[in-house]
């Protein structure tokens, strides 16, 4: 797993045919992440569609992804979590509390939530839970997981 995490800095371009406008917005985002204030970063992020932000997140080096995540973590768009590549989704969820992850997932469409949960099976592994928020998040995950499996069985 550590080798997998070490290779996460090598990110490929998700959308190689990005427009010049997106390129300019991305360059501005990089400049703001390197030297701008949090308020300036948040203001700039308002101009990004969730899919463009997912692309930008994938293009950034790890240190700038961390700064970007801190900028939008409190207002995480559920569609963004769905749009990012799996290893980037893991990076995002690893930096959120269980309650924050549960809140984002419960705001998703059920099909998207199930797909994200399937990608996050590692969170469903038994572990010692220390607080009610973690217990609640695990319950939400398990309920969504049950809902998907139950829906598939009824469709058959």
C-alpha atoms as a PDB file:
ATOM      1  CA  UNK A   1       0.000   0.000   0.000  1.00  0.00           C
ATOM      2  CA  UNK A   2       2.853   2.411   0.757  1.00  0.00           C
ATOM      3  CA  UNK A   3       4.287   1.943  -2.736  1.00  0.00           C
ATOM      4  CA  UNK A   4       0.842   2.801  -4.099  1.00  0.00           C
ATOM      5  CA  UNK A   5       0.705   5.984  -2.016  1.00  0.00           C
ATOM      6  CA  UNK A   6       4.226   6.980  -3.033  1.00  0.00           C
ATOM      7  CA  UNK A   7       3.260   6.814  -6.717  1.00  0.00           C
ATOM      8  CA  UNK A   8       0.295   9.131  -6.251  1.00  0.00           C
ATOM      9  CA  UNK A   9       2.424  12.155  -7.105  1.00  0.00           C
ATOM     10  CA  UNK A  10       2.670  10.836 -10.659  1.00  0.00           C
ATOM     11  CA  UNK A  11      -0.656  12.041 -12.024  1.00  0.00           C
ATOM     12  CA  UNK A  12      -1.664  11.875 -15.648  1.00  0.00           C
ATOM     13  CA  UNK A  13      -3.766  14.503 -17.350  1.00  0.00           C
ATOM     14  CA  UNK A  14      -7.399  13.482 -17.085  1.00  0.00           C
ATOM     15  CA  UNK A  15      -8.563  15.675 -19.971  1.00  0.00           C
ATOM     16  CA  UNK A  16      -5.694  16.155 -22.430  1.00  0.00           C
ATOM     17  CA  UNK A  17      -7.805  18.364 -24.705  1.00  0.00           C
ATOM     18  CA  UNK A  18      -8.528  21.135 -22.210  1.00  0.00           C
ATOM     19  CA  UNK A  19      -9.380  24.532 -23.598  1.00  0.00           C
ATOM     20  CA  UNK A  20      -7.147  27.549 -23.306  1.00  0.00           C
ATOM     21  CA  UNK A  21      -9.598  29.086 -20.842  1.00  0.00           C
ATOM     22  CA  UNK A  22      -9.324  26.042 -18.558  1.00  0.00           C
ATOM     23  CA  UNK A  23      -5.551  26.171 -18.876  1.00  0.00           C
ATOM     24  CA  UNK A  24      -5.511  29.819 -17.794  1.00  0.00           C
ATOM     25  CA  UNK A  25      -7.858  29.110 -14.851  1.00  0.00           C
ATOM     26  CA  UNK A  26      -5.640  26.182 -13.842  1.00  0.00           C
ATOM     27  CA  UNK A  27      -2.495  28.343 -13.961  1.00  0.00           C
ATOM     28  CA  UNK A  28      -4.251  30.996 -11.875  1.00  0.00           C
ATOM     29  CA  UNK A  29      -5.285  28.308  -9.394  1.00  0.00           C
ATOM     30  CA  UNK A  30      -1.701  27.075  -9.094  1.00  0.00           C
ATOM     31  CA  UNK A  31      -0.474  30.634  -8.484  1.00  0.00           C
ATOM     32  CA  UNK A  32      -3.131  31.201  -5.820  1.00  0.00           C
ATOM     33  CA  UNK A  33      -2.361  27.897  -4.122  1.00  0.00           C
ATOM     34  CA  UNK A  34       1.327  28.768  -4.045  1.00  0.00           C
ATOM     35  CA  UNK A  35       1.040  32.372  -2.878  1.00  0.00           C
ATOM     36  CA  UNK A  36      -2.580  33.466  -2.484  1.00  0.00           C
ATOM     37  CA  UNK A  37      -4.830  33.694   0.526  1.00  0.00           C
ATOM     38  CA  UNK A  38      -7.439  31.091   1.385  1.00  0.00           C
ATOM     39  CA  UNK A  39     -10.154  33.622   0.563  1.00  0.00           C
ATOM     40  CA  UNK A  40      -8.671  34.198  -2.905  1.00  0.00           C
ATOM     41  CA  UNK A  41      -8.477  30.444  -3.542  1.00  0.00           C
ATOM     42  CA  UNK A  42     -12.111  29.950  -2.466  1.00  0.00           C
ATOM     43  CA  UNK A  43     -13.240  32.837  -4.654  1.00  0.00           C
ATOM     44  CA  UNK A  44     -11.363  31.402  -7.644  1.00  0.00           C
ATOM     45  CA  UNK A  45     -12.873  27.948  -7.044  1.00  0.00           C
ATOM     46  CA  UNK A  46     -16.369  29.385  -7.549  1.00  0.00           C
ATOM     47  CA  UNK A  47     -15.561  29.559 -11.281  1.00  0.00           C
ATOM     48  CA  UNK A  48     -14.870  25.815 -11.526  1.00  0.00           C
ATOM     49  CA  UNK A  49     -17.397  23.170 -12.458  1.00  0.00           C
ATOM     50  CA  UNK A  50     -16.956  20.049 -10.318  1.00  0.00           C
ATOM     51  CA  UNK A  51     -15.578  18.058 -13.252  1.00  0.00           C
ATOM     52  CA  UNK A  52     -13.040  20.815 -14.052  1.00  0.00           C
ATOM     53  CA  UNK A  53     -12.047  20.929 -10.395  1.00  0.00           C
ATOM     54  CA  UNK A  54     -11.620  17.147 -10.389  1.00  0.00           C
ATOM     55  CA  UNK A  55      -9.327  17.469 -13.418  1.00  0.00           C
ATOM     56  CA  UNK A  56      -7.370  20.280 -11.761  1.00  0.00           C
ATOM     57  CA  UNK A  57      -7.059  18.276  -8.541  1.00  0.00           C
ATOM     58  CA  UNK A  58      -5.543  15.412 -10.517  1.00  0.00           C
ATOM     59  CA  UNK A  59      -3.023  17.669 -12.229  1.00  0.00           C
ATOM     60  CA  UNK A  60      -1.650  19.238  -9.055  1.00  0.00           C
ATOM     61  CA  UNK A  61       1.364  17.942  -7.129  1.00  0.00           C
ATOM     62  CA  UNK A  62       0.568  16.470  -3.701  1.00  0.00           C
ATOM     63  CA  UNK A  63       1.480  19.596  -1.695  1.00  0.00           C
ATOM     64  CA  UNK A  64      -0.873  21.784  -3.746  1.00  0.00           C
ATOM     65  CA  UNK A  65      -3.610  19.129  -3.648  1.00  0.00           C
ATOM     66  CA  UNK A  66      -3.391  19.252   0.144  1.00  0.00           C
ATOM     67  CA  UNK A  67      -3.738  23.038   0.135  1.00  0.00           C
ATOM     68  CA  UNK A  68      -6.635  22.846  -2.329  1.00  0.00           C
ATOM     69  CA  UNK A  69      -8.373  20.201  -0.237  1.00  0.00           C
ATOM     70  CA  UNK A  70      -8.132  22.410   2.821  1.00  0.00           C
ATOM     71  CA  UNK A  71      -9.755  25.210   0.798  1.00  0.00           C
ATOM     72  CA  UNK A  72     -12.857  23.271  -0.247  1.00  0.00           C
ATOM     73  CA  UNK A  73     -13.031  20.618   2.469  1.00  0.00           C
ATOM     74  CA  UNK A  74     -15.819  22.361   4.391  1.00  0.00           C
ATOM     75  CA  UNK A  75     -17.971  22.739   1.264  1.00  0.00           C
ATOM     76  CA  UNK A  76     -17.028  19.542  -0.552  1.00  0.00           C
ATOM     77  CA  UNK A  77     -19.236  19.023  -3.586  1.00  0.00           C
ATOM     78  CA  UNK A  78     -20.426  15.398  -3.648  1.00  0.00           C
ATOM     79  CA  UNK A  79     -20.098  15.431  -7.435  1.00  0.00           C
ATOM     80  CA  UNK A  80     -16.401  16.249  -7.080  1.00  0.00           C
ATOM     81  CA  UNK A  81     -15.845  13.198  -4.907  1.00  0.00           C
ATOM     82  CA  UNK A  82     -17.561  11.101  -7.558  1.00  0.00           C
ATOM     83  CA  UNK A  83     -15.594  12.656 -10.460  1.00  0.00           C
ATOM     84  CA  UNK A  84     -12.016  12.272  -9.160  1.00  0.00           C
ATOM     85  CA  UNK A  85      -9.941   9.185  -9.901  1.00  0.00           C
ATOM     86  CA  UNK A  86     -10.016   6.427  -7.295  1.00  0.00           C
ATOM     87  CA  UNK A  87      -6.589   7.068  -5.767  1.00  0.00           C
ATOM     88  CA  UNK A  88      -7.415  10.780  -5.504  1.00  0.00           C
ATOM     89  CA  UNK A  89     -10.768   9.975  -3.902  1.00  0.00           C
ATOM     90  CA  UNK A  90      -8.879   7.934  -1.311  1.00  0.00           C
ATOM     91  CA  UNK A  91      -6.564  10.883  -0.733  1.00  0.00           C
ATOM     92  CA  UNK A  92      -9.558  13.148  -0.157  1.00  0.00           C
ATOM     93  CA  UNK A  93     -11.425  10.763   2.138  1.00  0.00           C
ATOM     94  CA  UNK A  94      -8.254  10.034   4.106  1.00  0.00           C
ATOM     95  CA  UNK A  95      -8.191  13.734   4.988  1.00  0.00           C
ATOM     96  CA  UNK A  96     -11.819  13.874   6.087  1.00  0.00           C
ATOM     97  CA  UNK A  97     -13.363  12.639   9.283  1.00  0.00           C
ATOM     98  CA  UNK A  98     -15.751   9.709   9.054  1.00  0.00           C
ATOM     99  CA  UNK A  99     -18.639  12.083   9.727  1.00  0.00           C
ATOM    100  CA  UNK A 100     -17.556  14.397   6.889  1.00  0.00           C
ATOM    101  CA  UNK A 101     -17.320  11.455   4.484  1.00  0.00           C
ATOM    102  CA  UNK A 102     -20.763  10.232   5.546  1.00  0.00           C
ATOM    103  CA  UNK A 103     -22.267  13.704   5.073  1.00  0.00           C
ATOM    104  CA  UNK A 104     -20.858  14.009   1.553  1.00  0.00           C
ATOM    105  CA  UNK A 105     -21.958  10.510   0.548  1.00  0.00           C
ATOM    106  CA  UNK A 106     -25.506  10.979   1.848  1.00  0.00           C
ATOM    107  CA  UNK A 107     -25.828  14.027  -0.431  1.00  0.00           C
ATOM    108  CA  UNK A 108     -24.998  11.939  -3.544  1.00  0.00           C
ATOM    109  CA  UNK A 109     -27.442  10.226  -5.863  1.00  0.00           C
ATOM    110  CA  UNK A 110     -27.811   6.648  -4.669  1.00  0.00           C
ATOM    111  CA  UNK A 111     -26.094   5.124  -7.736  1.00  0.00           C
ATOM    112  CA  UNK A 112     -23.089   7.419  -7.346  1.00  0.00           C
ATOM    113  CA  UNK A 113     -22.967   6.832  -3.594  1.00  0.00           C
ATOM    114  CA  UNK A 114     -22.898   3.081  -4.076  1.00  0.00           C
ATOM    115  CA  UNK A 115     -20.122   3.337  -6.666  1.00  0.00           C
ATOM    116  CA  UNK A 116     -18.043   5.536  -4.359  1.00  0.00           C
ATOM    117  CA  UNK A 117     -18.678   3.172  -1.455  1.00  0.00           C
ATOM    118  CA  UNK A 118     -17.604   0.195  -3.536  1.00  0.00           C
ATOM    119  CA  UNK A 119     -14.356   2.039  -4.234  1.00  0.00           C
ATOM    120  CA  UNK A 120     -14.004   2.724  -0.509  1.00  0.00           C
ATOM    121  CA  UNK A 121     -14.413  -0.851   0.772  1.00  0.00           C
ATOM    122  CA  UNK A 122     -11.333  -0.359   2.912  1.00  0.00           C
ATOM    123  CA  UNK A 123     -13.398   1.957   5.144  1.00  0.00           C
ATOM    124  CA  UNK A 124     -15.828  -0.846   5.892  1.00  0.00           C
ATOM    125  CA  UNK A 125     -13.190  -3.093   7.409  1.00  0.00           C
ATOM    126  CA  UNK A 126     -13.762  -3.777  11.092  1.00  0.00           C
ATOM    127  CA  UNK A 127     -11.926  -1.332  13.273  1.00  0.00           C
ATOM    128  CA  UNK A 128     -12.154   0.083  16.737  1.00  0.00           C
ATOM    129  CA  UNK A 129     -14.503   3.066  16.690  1.00  0.00           C
ATOM    130  CA  UNK A 130     -13.726   5.797  19.143  1.00  0.00           C
ATOM    131  CA  UNK A 131     -16.598   8.262  18.829  1.00  0.00           C
ATOM    132  CA  UNK A 132     -20.301   8.368  17.923  1.00  0.00           C
ATOM    133  CA  UNK A 133     -19.570  10.218  14.658  1.00  0.00           C
ATOM    134  CA  UNK A 134     -17.441   7.319  13.414  1.00  0.00           C
ATOM    135  CA  UNK A 135     -20.148   4.844  14.425  1.00  0.00           C
ATOM    136  CA  UNK A 136     -22.754   6.927  12.572  1.00  0.00           C
ATOM    137  CA  UNK A 137     -20.600   7.149   9.455  1.00  0.00           C
ATOM    138  CA  UNK A 138     -20.026   3.395   9.445  1.00  0.00           C
ATOM    139  CA  UNK A 139     -23.764   2.815   9.836  1.00  0.00           C
ATOM    140  CA  UNK A 140     -24.477   5.093   6.854  1.00  0.00           C
ATOM    141  CA  UNK A 141     -21.909   3.217   4.773  1.00  0.00           C
ATOM    142  CA  UNK A 142     -23.396  -0.128   5.753  1.00  0.00           C
ATOM    143  CA  UNK A 143     -26.954   1.019   5.048  1.00  0.00           C
ATOM    144  CA  UNK A 144     -26.025   2.269   1.591  1.00  0.00           C
ATOM    145  CA  UNK A 145     -24.138  -0.945   0.941  1.00  0.00           C
ATOM    146  CA  UNK A 146     -27.170  -2.985   2.012  1.00  0.00           C
ATOM    147  CA  UNK A 147     -29.489  -0.848  -0.128  1.00  0.00           C
ATOM    148  CA  UNK A 148     -27.408  -1.494  -3.254  1.00  0.00           C
ATOM    149  CA  UNK A 149     -27.132  -5.230  -2.672  1.00  0.00           C
ATOM    150  CA  UNK A 150     -30.831  -5.507  -1.822  1.00  0.00           C
ATOM    151  CA  UNK A 151     -31.772  -3.540  -4.978  1.00  0.00           C
ATOM    152  CA  UNK A 152     -29.662  -5.852  -7.140  1.00  0.00           C
ATOM    153  CA  UNK A 153     -31.291  -8.961  -5.639  1.00  0.00           C
ATOM    154  CA  UNK A 154     -34.797  -7.624  -6.267  1.00  0.00           C
ATOM    155  CA  UNK A 155     -33.936  -6.720  -9.865  1.00  0.00           C
ATOM    156  CA  UNK A 156     -32.830 -10.307 -10.590  1.00  0.00           C
END
